[in-house]
N, C-alpha and C. Protein backbone atom coordinates (compact mmCIF):
# COMPACT_ATOMS: atom_id res chain seq x y z
N MET A 1 -44.83 -15.69 -4.10
CA MET A 1 -43.87 -15.99 -3.07
C MET A 1 -42.83 -14.88 -3.04
N ILE A 2 -42.44 -14.44 -1.88
CA ILE A 2 -41.45 -13.39 -1.70
C ILE A 2 -40.09 -14.06 -1.45
N ALA A 3 -39.12 -13.66 -2.23
CA ALA A 3 -37.78 -14.22 -2.09
C ALA A 3 -37.02 -13.47 -1.01
N ALA A 4 -36.22 -14.20 -0.28
CA ALA A 4 -35.38 -13.59 0.75
C ALA A 4 -34.17 -12.95 0.08
N VAL A 5 -33.89 -11.72 0.47
CA VAL A 5 -32.77 -10.99 -0.10
C VAL A 5 -31.75 -10.73 1.00
N ASP A 6 -30.53 -11.10 0.74
CA ASP A 6 -29.45 -10.84 1.68
C ASP A 6 -28.96 -9.41 1.45
N THR A 7 -29.50 -8.48 2.24
CA THR A 7 -29.20 -7.06 2.00
C THR A 7 -27.74 -6.72 2.30
N SER A 8 -27.14 -7.38 3.26
CA SER A 8 -25.74 -7.06 3.55
C SER A 8 -24.83 -7.46 2.39
N ALA A 9 -25.11 -8.60 1.77
CA ALA A 9 -24.32 -9.02 0.62
C ALA A 9 -24.57 -8.10 -0.57
N LEU A 10 -25.80 -7.64 -0.72
CA LEU A 10 -26.13 -6.73 -1.80
C LEU A 10 -25.44 -5.38 -1.62
N LEU A 11 -25.41 -4.88 -0.39
CA LEU A 11 -24.73 -3.62 -0.11
C LEU A 11 -23.22 -3.75 -0.28
N GLU A 12 -22.68 -4.91 0.05
CA GLU A 12 -21.25 -5.15 -0.15
C GLU A 12 -20.93 -5.13 -1.65
N LEU A 13 -21.82 -5.68 -2.45
CA LEU A 13 -21.62 -5.68 -3.89
C LEU A 13 -21.67 -4.27 -4.46
N VAL A 14 -22.49 -3.40 -3.86
CA VAL A 14 -22.64 -2.03 -4.35
C VAL A 14 -21.32 -1.26 -4.28
N TRP A 15 -20.52 -1.49 -3.24
CA TRP A 15 -19.25 -0.75 -3.15
C TRP A 15 -18.08 -1.58 -3.68
N ALA A 16 -18.15 -2.91 -3.60
CA ALA A 16 -17.01 -3.73 -4.00
C ALA A 16 -16.84 -3.80 -5.52
N ALA A 17 -17.93 -3.88 -6.23
CA ALA A 17 -17.84 -4.00 -7.69
C ALA A 17 -17.23 -2.74 -8.34
N PRO A 18 -17.71 -1.53 -8.01
CA PRO A 18 -17.06 -0.36 -8.60
C PRO A 18 -15.59 -0.21 -8.19
N LEU A 19 -15.26 -0.58 -6.96
CA LEU A 19 -13.88 -0.51 -6.51
C LEU A 19 -13.00 -1.47 -7.32
N ALA A 20 -13.50 -2.67 -7.57
CA ALA A 20 -12.75 -3.64 -8.36
C ALA A 20 -12.56 -3.16 -9.79
N VAL A 21 -13.61 -2.61 -10.37
CA VAL A 21 -13.52 -2.11 -11.75
C VAL A 21 -12.53 -0.95 -11.82
N LEU A 22 -12.58 -0.05 -10.87
CA LEU A 22 -11.67 1.09 -10.86
C LEU A 22 -10.22 0.63 -10.69
N THR A 23 -9.98 -0.32 -9.80
CA THR A 23 -8.63 -0.82 -9.56
C THR A 23 -8.05 -1.48 -10.79
N VAL A 24 -8.83 -2.34 -11.43
CA VAL A 24 -8.33 -3.04 -12.62
C VAL A 24 -8.11 -2.06 -13.76
N THR A 25 -9.01 -1.09 -13.93
CA THR A 25 -8.87 -0.12 -15.01
C THR A 25 -7.64 0.76 -14.82
N VAL A 26 -7.44 1.25 -13.61
CA VAL A 26 -6.27 2.09 -13.34
C VAL A 26 -4.98 1.28 -13.49
N ALA A 27 -4.98 0.04 -13.01
CA ALA A 27 -3.79 -0.79 -13.12
C ALA A 27 -3.43 -1.03 -14.58
N TRP A 28 -4.41 -1.36 -15.40
CA TRP A 28 -4.12 -1.62 -16.80
C TRP A 28 -3.71 -0.33 -17.51
N GLY A 29 -4.30 0.78 -17.11
CA GLY A 29 -3.91 2.07 -17.67
C GLY A 29 -2.46 2.40 -17.36
N LEU A 30 -2.01 2.07 -16.16
CA LEU A 30 -0.60 2.27 -15.81
C LEU A 30 0.31 1.43 -16.68
N VAL A 31 -0.11 0.21 -16.96
CA VAL A 31 0.70 -0.67 -17.81
C VAL A 31 0.82 -0.07 -19.21
N VAL A 32 -0.30 0.31 -19.78
CA VAL A 32 -0.29 0.82 -21.16
C VAL A 32 0.49 2.13 -21.24
N ARG A 33 0.20 3.05 -20.32
CA ARG A 33 0.88 4.35 -20.35
C ARG A 33 2.39 4.19 -20.09
N GLY A 34 2.74 3.39 -19.10
CA GLY A 34 4.15 3.19 -18.77
C GLY A 34 4.92 2.57 -19.91
N MET A 35 4.35 1.58 -20.56
CA MET A 35 5.06 0.92 -21.66
C MET A 35 5.19 1.83 -22.87
N THR A 36 4.13 2.54 -23.22
CA THR A 36 4.22 3.41 -24.40
C THR A 36 5.19 4.57 -24.16
N ARG A 37 5.13 5.15 -22.97
CA ARG A 37 6.06 6.25 -22.68
C ARG A 37 7.49 5.77 -22.57
N ALA A 38 7.68 4.56 -22.02
CA ALA A 38 9.04 4.01 -21.92
C ALA A 38 9.62 3.75 -23.30
N LEU A 39 8.80 3.25 -24.20
CA LEU A 39 9.29 3.01 -25.56
C LEU A 39 9.62 4.31 -26.28
N GLU A 40 8.79 5.33 -26.07
CA GLU A 40 9.06 6.64 -26.68
C GLU A 40 10.35 7.24 -26.11
N ALA A 41 10.50 7.16 -24.79
CA ALA A 41 11.70 7.72 -24.15
C ALA A 41 12.95 6.96 -24.58
N ARG A 42 12.84 5.65 -24.74
CA ARG A 42 13.98 4.86 -25.20
C ARG A 42 14.38 5.25 -26.61
N ARG A 43 13.38 5.47 -27.45
CA ARG A 43 13.65 5.88 -28.83
C ARG A 43 14.33 7.25 -28.87
N ASP A 44 13.98 8.12 -27.90
CA ASP A 44 14.58 9.45 -27.84
C ASP A 44 15.91 9.48 -27.09
N GLY A 45 16.32 8.35 -26.52
CA GLY A 45 17.59 8.27 -25.82
C GLY A 45 17.58 8.80 -24.40
N GLN A 46 16.42 8.85 -23.77
CA GLN A 46 16.29 9.36 -22.40
C GLN A 46 16.24 8.17 -21.43
N ALA A 47 17.37 7.87 -20.84
CA ALA A 47 17.50 6.67 -20.01
C ALA A 47 16.69 6.78 -18.72
N VAL A 48 16.72 7.93 -18.07
CA VAL A 48 16.01 8.08 -16.79
C VAL A 48 14.51 8.00 -17.01
N ALA A 49 14.02 8.68 -18.02
CA ALA A 49 12.59 8.63 -18.32
C ALA A 49 12.15 7.22 -18.70
N THR A 50 13.00 6.52 -19.42
CA THR A 50 12.70 5.14 -19.78
C THR A 50 12.56 4.28 -18.53
N ALA A 51 13.49 4.42 -17.61
CA ALA A 51 13.46 3.62 -16.39
C ALA A 51 12.24 3.94 -15.53
N LEU A 52 11.92 5.22 -15.39
CA LEU A 52 10.78 5.60 -14.57
C LEU A 52 9.46 5.13 -15.17
N ASN A 53 9.34 5.24 -16.48
CA ASN A 53 8.12 4.77 -17.13
C ASN A 53 8.01 3.26 -17.11
N ALA A 54 9.13 2.58 -17.24
CA ALA A 54 9.11 1.12 -17.13
C ALA A 54 8.72 0.70 -15.71
N LEU A 55 9.20 1.45 -14.72
CA LEU A 55 8.81 1.17 -13.34
C LEU A 55 7.31 1.37 -13.15
N MET A 56 6.75 2.40 -13.76
CA MET A 56 5.31 2.62 -13.68
C MET A 56 4.55 1.44 -14.29
N ALA A 57 5.05 0.92 -15.40
CA ALA A 57 4.42 -0.23 -16.04
C ALA A 57 4.51 -1.47 -15.15
N ILE A 58 5.65 -1.64 -14.48
CA ILE A 58 5.82 -2.79 -13.60
C ILE A 58 4.88 -2.70 -12.40
N VAL A 59 4.73 -1.51 -11.85
CA VAL A 59 3.78 -1.31 -10.75
C VAL A 59 2.35 -1.62 -11.22
N GLY A 60 2.02 -1.21 -12.42
CA GLY A 60 0.71 -1.50 -12.97
C GLY A 60 0.47 -2.99 -13.13
N VAL A 61 1.48 -3.71 -13.62
CA VAL A 61 1.36 -5.16 -13.77
C VAL A 61 1.18 -5.82 -12.41
N ALA A 62 1.94 -5.36 -11.42
CA ALA A 62 1.82 -5.93 -10.08
C ALA A 62 0.44 -5.67 -9.49
N LEU A 63 -0.07 -4.46 -9.65
CA LEU A 63 -1.41 -4.13 -9.15
C LEU A 63 -2.48 -4.92 -9.88
N PHE A 64 -2.35 -5.04 -11.19
CA PHE A 64 -3.32 -5.80 -11.98
C PHE A 64 -3.32 -7.27 -11.58
N THR A 65 -2.14 -7.85 -11.42
CA THR A 65 -2.03 -9.25 -11.04
C THR A 65 -2.59 -9.48 -9.63
N THR A 66 -2.30 -8.57 -8.73
CA THR A 66 -2.82 -8.68 -7.36
C THR A 66 -4.35 -8.62 -7.36
N ALA A 67 -4.92 -7.70 -8.11
CA ALA A 67 -6.37 -7.59 -8.18
C ALA A 67 -6.99 -8.85 -8.80
N LEU A 68 -6.34 -9.38 -9.82
CA LEU A 68 -6.84 -10.59 -10.47
C LEU A 68 -6.82 -11.78 -9.51
N VAL A 69 -5.71 -11.97 -8.84
CA VAL A 69 -5.59 -13.10 -7.90
C VAL A 69 -6.57 -12.93 -6.74
N PHE A 70 -6.68 -11.71 -6.22
CA PHE A 70 -7.61 -11.47 -5.12
C PHE A 70 -9.04 -11.76 -5.55
N GLY A 71 -9.40 -11.33 -6.74
CA GLY A 71 -10.75 -11.60 -7.25
C GLY A 71 -11.02 -13.09 -7.40
N LEU A 72 -10.04 -13.82 -7.92
CA LEU A 72 -10.21 -15.26 -8.06
C LEU A 72 -10.33 -15.95 -6.71
N LEU A 73 -9.55 -15.49 -5.74
CA LEU A 73 -9.64 -16.08 -4.40
C LEU A 73 -11.00 -15.81 -3.77
N VAL A 74 -11.51 -14.60 -3.93
CA VAL A 74 -12.82 -14.27 -3.37
C VAL A 74 -13.90 -15.10 -4.04
N MET A 75 -13.82 -15.27 -5.34
CA MET A 75 -14.85 -16.05 -6.05
C MET A 75 -14.83 -17.53 -5.66
N THR A 76 -13.65 -18.07 -5.43
CA THR A 76 -13.58 -19.50 -5.13
C THR A 76 -13.87 -19.83 -3.67
N THR A 77 -13.79 -18.85 -2.79
CA THR A 77 -14.04 -19.14 -1.37
C THR A 77 -15.47 -18.82 -0.94
N LYS A 78 -16.23 -18.16 -1.76
CA LYS A 78 -17.61 -17.84 -1.34
C LYS A 78 -18.60 -18.76 -1.96
């Protein structure tokens, strides 16, 4: 018996999965890099660098959370 394959859904998965992986990886990388650099800059007494790196970490957390929520919404609605 030949199974029916939904090619449009399969093609959507081909581009959506790598995009999701890249987004989550970059977002988490921003969190880790921003926090470690902010802590180093704080230890060195560099207030501006601390603030900018902390901002980078906050942007990473926001991007990571958005990707997570979007992924959960997509999974629960399909």
